[in-house]
Amino acid sequence: MREIHLKLNDQDYFGFLSVATEDNLTVEEKLKQIINYHLIVYRNKQKLKNEHLM
């Protein structure tokens, strides 16, 4: 497993914390959710590109 370290100023951190809290998630859970979403989108784009090549 890999670790990611981010440096955020207080305003950005508390802004993101409020976004996570609205979804009843921790900051870590919200970041994982965002990363998983983007991976799904990326993989689907790759599939579409590969289908168009065939």
C-alpha atoms as a PDB file:
ATOM      1  CA  MET A   1       0.000   0.000   0.000  1.00  0.00           C
ATOM      2  CA  ARG A   2       1.194   3.527  -0.794  1.00  0.00           C
ATOM      3  CA  GLU A   3       0.862   6.622   1.324  1.00  0.00           C
ATOM      4  CA  ILE A   4       0.098  10.070   0.004  1.00  0.00           C
ATOM      5  CA  HIS A   5       0.998  13.160   2.021  1.00  0.00           C
ATOM      6  CA  LEU A   6      -0.591  16.498   1.193  1.00  0.00           C
ATOM      7  CA  LYS A   7       0.131  19.943   2.510  1.00  0.00           C
ATOM      8  CA  LEU A   8      -2.913  22.200   2.659  1.00  0.00           C
ATOM      9  CA  ASN A   9      -3.346  25.592   4.198  1.00  0.00           C
ATOM     10  CA  ASP A  10      -5.885  25.791   7.010  1.00  0.00           C
ATOM     11  CA  GLN A  11      -8.587  27.382   4.860  1.00  0.00           C
ATOM     12  CA  ASP A  12      -8.398  24.644   2.213  1.00  0.00           C
ATOM     13  CA  TYR A  13      -8.283  21.875   4.813  1.00  0.00           C
ATOM     14  CA  PHE A  14     -11.312  23.145   6.704  1.00  0.00           C
ATOM     15  CA  GLY A  15     -13.158  23.682   3.417  1.00  0.00           C
ATOM     16  CA  PHE A  16     -12.479  20.100   2.382  1.00  0.00           C
ATOM     17  CA  LEU A  17     -13.353  18.872   5.879  1.00  0.00           C
ATOM     18  CA  SER A  18     -16.768  20.516   5.565  1.00  0.00           C
ATOM     19  CA  VAL A  19     -17.309  18.817   2.186  1.00  0.00           C
ATOM     20  CA  ALA A  20     -16.411  15.437   3.686  1.00  0.00           C
ATOM     21  CA  THR A  21     -18.564  16.047   6.755  1.00  0.00           C
ATOM     22  CA  GLU A  22     -21.591  16.856   4.573  1.00  0.00           C
ATOM     23  CA  ASP A  23     -21.249  13.338   3.136  1.00  0.00           C
ATOM     24  CA  ASN A  24     -20.751  11.861   6.630  1.00  0.00           C
ATOM     25  CA  LEU A  25     -17.196  10.857   5.699  1.00  0.00           C
ATOM     26  CA  THR A  26     -13.776  11.488   7.146  1.00  0.00           C
ATOM     27  CA  VAL A  27     -11.258  13.457   5.110  1.00  0.00           C
ATOM     28  CA  GLU A  28      -9.434  10.206   4.306  1.00  0.00           C
ATOM     29  CA  GLU A  29     -12.648   8.460   3.207  1.00  0.00           C
ATOM     30  CA  LYS A  30     -13.617  11.414   0.988  1.00  0.00           C
ATOM     31  CA  LEU A  31     -10.180  11.453  -0.655  1.00  0.00           C
ATOM     32  CA  LYS A  32     -10.437   7.715  -1.328  1.00  0.00           C
ATOM     33  CA  GLN A  33     -13.907   8.245  -2.818  1.00  0.00           C
ATOM     34  CA  ILE A  34     -12.609  10.981  -5.137  1.00  0.00           C
ATOM     35  CA  ILE A  35      -9.607   8.910  -6.227  1.00  0.00           C
ATOM     36  CA  ASN A  36     -11.775   5.855  -6.917  1.00  0.00           C
ATOM     37  CA  TYR A  37     -14.209   7.972  -8.950  1.00  0.00           C
ATOM     38  CA  HIS A  38     -11.423   9.379 -11.107  1.00  0.00           C
ATOM     39  CA  LEU A  39      -9.903   5.930 -11.627  1.00  0.00           C
ATOM     40  CA  ILE A  40     -13.259   4.601 -12.827  1.00  0.00           C
ATOM     41  CA  VAL A  41     -13.653   7.531 -15.236  1.00  0.00           C
ATOM     42  CA  TYR A  42     -10.088   7.088 -16.517  1.00  0.00           C
ATOM     43  CA  ARG A  43     -10.516   3.341 -17.045  1.00  0.00           C
ATOM     44  CA  ASN A  44     -13.800   3.856 -18.867  1.00  0.00           C
ATOM     45  CA  LYS A  45     -12.173   6.408 -21.178  1.00  0.00           C
ATOM     46  CA  GLN A  46      -9.416   3.900 -21.925  1.00  0.00           C
ATOM     47  CA  LYS A  47     -11.997   1.210 -22.719  1.00  0.00           C
ATOM     48  CA  LEU A  48     -13.797   3.549 -25.114  1.00  0.00           C
ATOM     49  CA  LYS A  49     -10.547   4.434 -26.872  1.00  0.00           C
ATOM     50  CA  ASN A  50      -9.686   0.757 -27.251  1.00  0.00           C
ATOM     51  CA  GLU A  51     -13.150  -0.059 -28.606  1.00  0.00           C
ATOM     52  CA  HIS A  52     -12.850   2.681 -31.225  1.00  0.00           C
ATOM     53  CA  LEU A  53      -9.511   1.262 -32.375  1.00  0.00           C
ATOM     54  CA  MET A  54     -11.027  -2.123 -33.119  1.00  0.00           C
END
